[in-house]
C-alpha atoms as a PDB file:
ATOM      1  CA  UNK A   1     -35.366 -52.172 -41.770  1.00  0.00           C
ATOM      2  CA  UNK A   2     -32.875 -49.555 -42.877  1.00  0.00           C
ATOM      3  CA  UNK A   3     -29.379 -49.492 -41.549  1.00  0.00           C
ATOM      4  CA  UNK A   4     -28.164 -46.558 -39.481  1.00  0.00           C
ATOM      5  CA  UNK A   5     -25.718 -45.504 -42.213  1.00  0.00           C
ATOM      6  CA  UNK A   6     -28.588 -45.333 -44.703  1.00  0.00           C
ATOM      7  CA  UNK A   7     -30.418 -42.910 -42.387  1.00  0.00           C
ATOM      8  CA  UNK A   8     -27.280 -40.772 -42.176  1.00  0.00           C
ATOM      9  CA  UNK A   9     -26.856 -40.748 -45.946  1.00  0.00           C
ATOM     10  CA  UNK A  10     -30.512 -39.891 -46.401  1.00  0.00           C
ATOM     11  CA  UNK A  11     -30.102 -36.934 -44.013  1.00  0.00           C
ATOM     12  CA  UNK A  12     -27.048 -35.718 -45.878  1.00  0.00           C
ATOM     13  CA  UNK A  13     -28.837 -35.897 -49.184  1.00  0.00           C
ATOM     14  CA  UNK A  14     -31.821 -33.968 -47.786  1.00  0.00           C
ATOM     15  CA  UNK A  15     -29.477 -31.296 -46.496  1.00  0.00           C
ATOM     16  CA  UNK A  16     -27.683 -31.001 -49.828  1.00  0.00           C
ATOM     17  CA  UNK A  17     -31.040 -30.814 -51.669  1.00  0.00           C
ATOM     18  CA  UNK A  18     -32.202 -27.987 -49.419  1.00  0.00           C
ATOM     19  CA  UNK A  19     -28.900 -26.128 -49.759  1.00  0.00           C
ATOM     20  CA  UNK A  20     -28.955 -26.385 -53.556  1.00  0.00           C
ATOM     21  CA  UNK A  21     -32.611 -25.229 -53.647  1.00  0.00           C
ATOM     22  CA  UNK A  22     -31.840 -22.165 -51.474  1.00  0.00           C
ATOM     23  CA  UNK A  23     -28.755 -21.305 -53.560  1.00  0.00           C
ATOM     24  CA  UNK A  24     -30.775 -21.567 -56.780  1.00  0.00           C
ATOM     25  CA  UNK A  25     -33.194 -18.961 -55.372  1.00  0.00           C
ATOM     26  CA  UNK A  26     -30.291 -16.537 -54.842  1.00  0.00           C
ATOM     27  CA  UNK A  27     -29.623 -17.047 -51.151  1.00  0.00           C
ATOM     28  CA  UNK A  28     -25.893 -17.025 -50.349  1.00  0.00           C
ATOM     29  CA  UNK A  29     -25.531 -19.232 -47.291  1.00  0.00           C
ATOM     30  CA  UNK A  30     -21.759 -18.744 -47.087  1.00  0.00           C
ATOM     31  CA  UNK A  31     -22.163 -14.952 -46.947  1.00  0.00           C
ATOM     32  CA  UNK A  32     -24.840 -15.276 -44.240  1.00  0.00           C
ATOM     33  CA  UNK A  33     -22.562 -17.524 -42.186  1.00  0.00           C
ATOM     34  CA  UNK A  34     -19.647 -15.081 -42.563  1.00  0.00           C
ATOM     35  CA  UNK A  35     -21.867 -12.134 -41.587  1.00  0.00           C
ATOM     36  CA  UNK A  36     -23.144 -14.012 -38.553  1.00  0.00           C
ATOM     37  CA  UNK A  37     -19.587 -14.906 -37.496  1.00  0.00           C
ATOM     38  CA  UNK A  38     -18.442 -11.286 -37.937  1.00  0.00           C
ATOM     39  CA  UNK A  39     -21.345 -10.050 -35.790  1.00  0.00           C
ATOM     40  CA  UNK A  40     -20.556 -12.680 -33.158  1.00  0.00           C
ATOM     41  CA  UNK A  41     -16.881 -11.675 -33.073  1.00  0.00           C
ATOM     42  CA  UNK A  42     -17.841  -7.996 -32.768  1.00  0.00           C
ATOM     43  CA  UNK A  43     -20.121  -8.733 -29.796  1.00  0.00           C
ATOM     44  CA  UNK A  44     -17.469 -10.902 -28.146  1.00  0.00           C
ATOM     45  CA  UNK A  45     -14.942  -8.086 -28.454  1.00  0.00           C
ATOM     46  CA  UNK A  46     -17.415  -5.548 -27.077  1.00  0.00           C
ATOM     47  CA  UNK A  47     -18.403  -7.564 -24.018  1.00  0.00           C
ATOM     48  CA  UNK A  48     -14.963  -9.038 -23.330  1.00  0.00           C
ATOM     49  CA  UNK A  49     -13.887  -5.582 -22.176  1.00  0.00           C
ATOM     50  CA  UNK A  50     -16.858  -5.283 -19.817  1.00  0.00           C
ATOM     51  CA  UNK A  51     -16.272  -8.666 -18.190  1.00  0.00           C
ATOM     52  CA  UNK A  52     -13.376  -7.355 -16.144  1.00  0.00           C
ATOM     53  CA  UNK A  53     -15.073  -6.027 -13.040  1.00  0.00           C
ATOM     54  CA  UNK A  54     -13.058  -4.634 -10.175  1.00  0.00           C
ATOM     55  CA  UNK A  55     -15.943  -5.299  -7.834  1.00  0.00           C
ATOM     56  CA  UNK A  56     -19.072  -7.322  -8.218  1.00  0.00           C
ATOM     57  CA  UNK A  57     -22.517  -5.926  -7.488  1.00  0.00           C
ATOM     58  CA  UNK A  58     -23.383  -6.387  -3.840  1.00  0.00           C
ATOM     59  CA  UNK A  59     -26.603  -7.074  -1.965  1.00  0.00           C
ATOM     60  CA  UNK A  60     -26.537  -6.717   1.813  1.00  0.00           C
ATOM     61  CA  UNK A  61     -28.558  -5.382   4.707  1.00  0.00           C
ATOM     62  CA  UNK A  62     -28.916  -1.590   4.724  1.00  0.00           C
ATOM     63  CA  UNK A  63     -26.635  -1.091   7.725  1.00  0.00           C
ATOM     64  CA  UNK A  64     -23.940  -3.294   6.177  1.00  0.00           C
ATOM     65  CA  UNK A  65     -24.077  -1.336   2.912  1.00  0.00           C
ATOM     66  CA  UNK A  66     -23.593   1.893   4.857  1.00  0.00           C
ATOM     67  CA  UNK A  67     -20.640   0.352   6.691  1.00  0.00           C
ATOM     68  CA  UNK A  68     -19.034  -0.674   3.400  1.00  0.00           C
ATOM     69  CA  UNK A  69     -19.532   2.837   2.013  1.00  0.00           C
ATOM     70  CA  UNK A  70     -18.105   4.398   5.177  1.00  0.00           C
ATOM     71  CA  UNK A  71     -15.012   2.171   4.910  1.00  0.00           C
ATOM     72  CA  UNK A  72     -14.220   3.880   1.575  1.00  0.00           C
ATOM     73  CA  UNK A  73     -15.353   7.403   2.517  1.00  0.00           C
ATOM     74  CA  UNK A  74     -13.552   7.738   5.862  1.00  0.00           C
ATOM     75  CA  UNK A  75      -9.977   7.634   4.453  1.00  0.00           C
ATOM     76  CA  UNK A  76     -10.940  10.246   1.830  1.00  0.00           C
ATOM     77  CA  UNK A  77     -12.372  12.543   4.520  1.00  0.00           C
ATOM     78  CA  UNK A  78      -9.204  12.100   6.581  1.00  0.00           C
ATOM     79  CA  UNK A  79      -7.109  13.159   3.570  1.00  0.00           C
ATOM     80  CA  UNK A  80      -9.344  16.205   3.097  1.00  0.00           C
ATOM     81  CA  UNK A  81      -8.992  17.198   6.749  1.00  0.00           C
ATOM     82  CA  UNK A  82      -5.232  16.783   6.625  1.00  0.00           C
ATOM     83  CA  UNK A  83      -4.986  18.943   3.482  1.00  0.00           C
ATOM     84  CA  UNK A  84      -7.256  21.620   4.985  1.00  0.00           C
ATOM     85  CA  UNK A  85     -10.305  21.043   2.766  1.00  0.00           C
ATOM     86  CA  UNK A  86     -12.817  21.665   5.532  1.00  0.00           C
ATOM     87  CA  UNK A  87     -15.699  22.635   3.255  1.00  0.00           C
ATOM     88  CA  UNK A  88     -16.223  19.116   1.906  1.00  0.00           C
ATOM     89  CA  UNK A  89     -15.876  17.579   5.360  1.00  0.00           C
ATOM     90  CA  UNK A  90     -18.328  20.118   6.800  1.00  0.00           C
ATOM     91  CA  UNK A  91     -20.864  19.073   4.179  1.00  0.00           C
ATOM     92  CA  UNK A  92     -20.798  15.585   5.675  1.00  0.00           C
ATOM     93  CA  UNK A  93     -20.760  16.947   9.229  1.00  0.00           C
ATOM     94  CA  UNK A  94     -23.961  18.925   8.569  1.00  0.00           C
ATOM     95  CA  UNK A  95     -25.841  15.646   8.167  1.00  0.00           C
ATOM     96  CA  UNK A  96     -25.125  14.998  11.857  1.00  0.00           C
ATOM     97  CA  UNK A  97     -25.808  18.658  12.709  1.00  0.00           C
ATOM     98  CA  UNK A  98     -22.144  19.401  13.423  1.00  0.00           C
ATOM     99  CA  UNK A  99     -19.599  21.879  12.164  1.00  0.00           C
ATOM    100  CA  UNK A 100     -15.839  21.519  12.321  1.00  0.00           C
ATOM    101  CA  UNK A 101     -12.985  23.986  12.320  1.00  0.00           C
ATOM    102  CA  UNK A 102      -9.225  23.921  12.701  1.00  0.00           C
ATOM    103  CA  UNK A 103      -8.981  27.505  13.982  1.00  0.00           C
ATOM    104  CA  UNK A 104      -6.842  27.843  17.129  1.00  0.00           C
ATOM    105  CA  UNK A 105      -6.182  24.090  17.195  1.00  0.00           C
ATOM    106  CA  UNK A 106      -2.809  22.376  17.382  1.00  0.00           C
ATOM    107  CA  UNK A 107      -1.526  20.407  14.414  1.00  0.00           C
ATOM    108  CA  UNK A 108      -3.572  17.272  13.739  1.00  0.00           C
ATOM    109  CA  UNK A 109      -6.492  18.443  15.899  1.00  0.00           C
ATOM    110  CA  UNK A 110      -9.988  19.513  14.817  1.00  0.00           C
ATOM    111  CA  UNK A 111     -12.711  21.252  16.799  1.00  0.00           C
ATOM    112  CA  UNK A 112     -16.323  20.048  16.395  1.00  0.00           C
ATOM    113  CA  UNK A 113     -19.374  21.895  17.675  1.00  0.00           C
ATOM    114  CA  UNK A 114     -23.125  21.412  17.403  1.00  0.00           C
ATOM    115  CA  UNK A 115     -25.241  23.370  14.953  1.00  0.00           C
ATOM    116  CA  UNK A 116     -28.408  24.890  16.332  1.00  0.00           C
END
């Protein structure tokens, strides 16, 4: 029975025979390895930039998704109202069949009425 080291040496010799046979047929294994490494490095650089997510994708119940959206939208709408951009806020109000105005209202107050 062969020793373990003999099996290892036999494997090394088979590998060297295959390598020499491929090189004799014109195949440059070193160039292929370098090309493969360059492609790998290019992909790593490309996707390393995309790995930095501010937020992860989210799966929730429909109502919870709407709540999370509203948490971001409400402060923006408040800024718009404060700056006097009523057109954008009215676009949202139309969904609920409302219209808003600041005419004849004191500072910081808004009038809402129903659309017919």
